[in-house]
Amino acid sequence: MWTARRILKELADSDRRRAILTMFWKHGETQHRLIVQMQLAKLLNFREETIRKMPPEKKADLLASRIGISVRPSARMASASA
């Protein structure tokens, strides 16, 4: 069965995943964004306000990390070697 998670993980490369998740934060339905925002805040022990104020790109990275998908592996490798 194809789920959003499986599609992102198996069919989309890193750049496309980041673009998809960023577009979710920019153009997704308000109700869905609020639900995901609440869940991210709860899972990461952040205040909802903190998540709400983040740019869409950062929220996309956080969401990808929670669903087990690496969005920018090259950026993580660069920060690990620094």
C-alpha atoms as a PDB file:
ATOM      1  CA  MET A   1       0.000   0.000   0.000  1.00  0.00           C
ATOM      2  CA  TRP A   2       1.294   3.419  -0.919  1.00  0.00           C
ATOM      3  CA  THR A   3       1.246   5.960   1.905  1.00  0.00           C
ATOM      4  CA  ALA A   4       2.523   9.527   1.895  1.00  0.00           C
ATOM      5  CA  ARG A   5       5.489   8.384   3.959  1.00  0.00           C
ATOM      6  CA  ARG A   6       6.357   5.570   1.548  1.00  0.00           C
ATOM      7  CA  ILE A   7       6.003   7.817  -1.495  1.00  0.00           C
ATOM      8  CA  LEU A   8       8.302  10.442   0.017  1.00  0.00           C
ATOM      9  CA  LYS A   9      10.815   7.855   1.137  1.00  0.00           C
ATOM     10  CA  GLU A  10      10.935   5.622  -1.940  1.00  0.00           C
ATOM     11  CA  LEU A  11      10.015   7.824  -4.907  1.00  0.00           C
ATOM     12  CA  ALA A  12      11.201  11.344  -4.111  1.00  0.00           C
ATOM     13  CA  ASP A  13      14.832  12.388  -3.928  1.00  0.00           C
ATOM     14  CA  SER A  14      16.074  14.686  -1.167  1.00  0.00           C
ATOM     15  CA  ASP A  15      15.438  17.949  -3.036  1.00  0.00           C
ATOM     16  CA  ARG A  16      11.951  16.913  -4.105  1.00  0.00           C
ATOM     17  CA  ARG A  17      11.055  15.778  -0.541  1.00  0.00           C
ATOM     18  CA  ARG A  18      12.133  19.119   0.855  1.00  0.00           C
ATOM     19  CA  ALA A  19      10.122  20.960  -1.807  1.00  0.00           C
ATOM     20  CA  ILE A  20       7.014  18.838  -1.124  1.00  0.00           C
ATOM     21  CA  LEU A  21       7.192  19.312   2.643  1.00  0.00           C
ATOM     22  CA  THR A  22       7.920  23.034   2.303  1.00  0.00           C
ATOM     23  CA  MET A  23       4.904  23.428   0.011  1.00  0.00           C
ATOM     24  CA  PHE A  24       2.785  21.631   2.609  1.00  0.00           C
ATOM     25  CA  TRP A  25       3.706  24.326   5.140  1.00  0.00           C
ATOM     26  CA  LYS A  26       3.133  27.137   2.653  1.00  0.00           C
ATOM     27  CA  HIS A  27      -0.022  25.948   0.895  1.00  0.00           C
ATOM     28  CA  GLY A  28      -1.510  23.020   2.812  1.00  0.00           C
ATOM     29  CA  GLU A  29      -4.959  23.212   4.356  1.00  0.00           C
ATOM     30  CA  THR A  30      -4.938  25.260   7.536  1.00  0.00           C
ATOM     31  CA  GLN A  31      -6.534  22.536   9.641  1.00  0.00           C
ATOM     32  CA  HIS A  32      -3.931  19.971   8.544  1.00  0.00           C
ATOM     33  CA  ARG A  33      -1.040  22.342   9.181  1.00  0.00           C
ATOM     34  CA  LEU A  34      -2.350  23.088  12.692  1.00  0.00           C
ATOM     35  CA  ILE A  35      -2.678  19.389  13.505  1.00  0.00           C
ATOM     36  CA  VAL A  36       0.854  18.651  12.313  1.00  0.00           C
ATOM     37  CA  GLN A  37       2.158  21.730  14.129  1.00  0.00           C
ATOM     38  CA  MET A  38       0.576  20.537  17.400  1.00  0.00           C
ATOM     39  CA  GLN A  39       1.974  17.033  16.953  1.00  0.00           C
ATOM     40  CA  LEU A  40       5.476  18.310  16.157  1.00  0.00           C
ATOM     41  CA  ALA A  41       5.439  20.560  19.204  1.00  0.00           C
ATOM     42  CA  LYS A  42       4.305  17.683  21.396  1.00  0.00           C
ATOM     43  CA  LEU A  43       6.849  15.193  20.017  1.00  0.00           C
ATOM     44  CA  LEU A  44       9.771  17.621  20.141  1.00  0.00           C
ATOM     45  CA  ASN A  45       8.773  19.192  23.476  1.00  0.00           C
ATOM     46  CA  PHE A  46       8.517  22.633  21.853  1.00  0.00           C
ATOM     47  CA  ARG A  47       5.878  25.260  22.395  1.00  0.00           C
ATOM     48  CA  GLU A  48       3.426  25.501  19.499  1.00  0.00           C
ATOM     49  CA  GLU A  49       4.327  29.168  19.155  1.00  0.00           C
ATOM     50  CA  THR A  50       7.959  28.220  18.518  1.00  0.00           C
ATOM     51  CA  ILE A  51       6.976  25.869  15.699  1.00  0.00           C
ATOM     52  CA  ARG A  52       4.499  28.401  14.284  1.00  0.00           C
ATOM     53  CA  LYS A  53       7.183  31.100  14.039  1.00  0.00           C
ATOM     54  CA  MET A  54       9.678  28.889  12.193  1.00  0.00           C
ATOM     55  CA  PRO A  55      10.121  29.360   8.443  1.00  0.00           C
ATOM     56  CA  PRO A  56       8.457  26.709   6.258  1.00  0.00           C
ATOM     57  CA  GLU A  57      11.834  25.238   5.306  1.00  0.00           C
ATOM     58  CA  LYS A  58      12.752  24.566   8.943  1.00  0.00           C
ATOM     59  CA  LYS A  59       9.326  23.058   9.631  1.00  0.00           C
ATOM     60  CA  ALA A  60       9.809  20.843   6.569  1.00  0.00           C
ATOM     61  CA  ASP A  61      13.114  19.593   8.002  1.00  0.00           C
ATOM     62  CA  LEU A  62      11.505  18.880  11.378  1.00  0.00           C
ATOM     63  CA  LEU A  63       8.589  17.058   9.789  1.00  0.00           C
ATOM     64  CA  ALA A  64      10.924  14.958   7.646  1.00  0.00           C
ATOM     65  CA  SER A  65      12.961  14.027  10.701  1.00  0.00           C
ATOM     66  CA  ARG A  66       9.830  12.827  12.508  1.00  0.00           C
ATOM     67  CA  ILE A  67       8.701  10.614   9.650  1.00  0.00           C
ATOM     68  CA  GLY A  68      12.149   9.087   9.266  1.00  0.00           C
ATOM     69  CA  ILE A  69      13.246  10.794   6.088  1.00  0.00           C
ATOM     70  CA  SER A  70      16.502  12.631   5.615  1.00  0.00           C
ATOM     71  CA  VAL A  71      15.835  15.859   3.756  1.00  0.00           C
ATOM     72  CA  ARG A  72      19.323  17.280   3.448  1.00  0.00           C
ATOM     73  CA  PRO A  73      21.933  14.602   4.081  1.00  0.00           C
ATOM     74  CA  SER A  74      24.759  16.733   2.671  1.00  0.00           C
ATOM     75  CA  ALA A  75      24.036  19.516   5.181  1.00  0.00           C
ATOM     76  CA  ARG A  76      24.078  17.039   8.071  1.00  0.00           C
ATOM     77  CA  MET A  77      27.344  15.514   6.867  1.00  0.00           C
ATOM     78  CA  ALA A  78      28.941  18.959   6.570  1.00  0.00           C
ATOM     79  CA  SER A  79      27.895  19.921  10.101  1.00  0.00           C
ATOM     80  CA  ALA A  80      29.115  16.568  11.497  1.00  0.00           C
ATOM     81  CA  SER A  81      32.557  16.979   9.952  1.00  0.00           C
ATOM     82  CA  ALA A  82      32.953  20.587  11.130  1.00  0.00           C
END
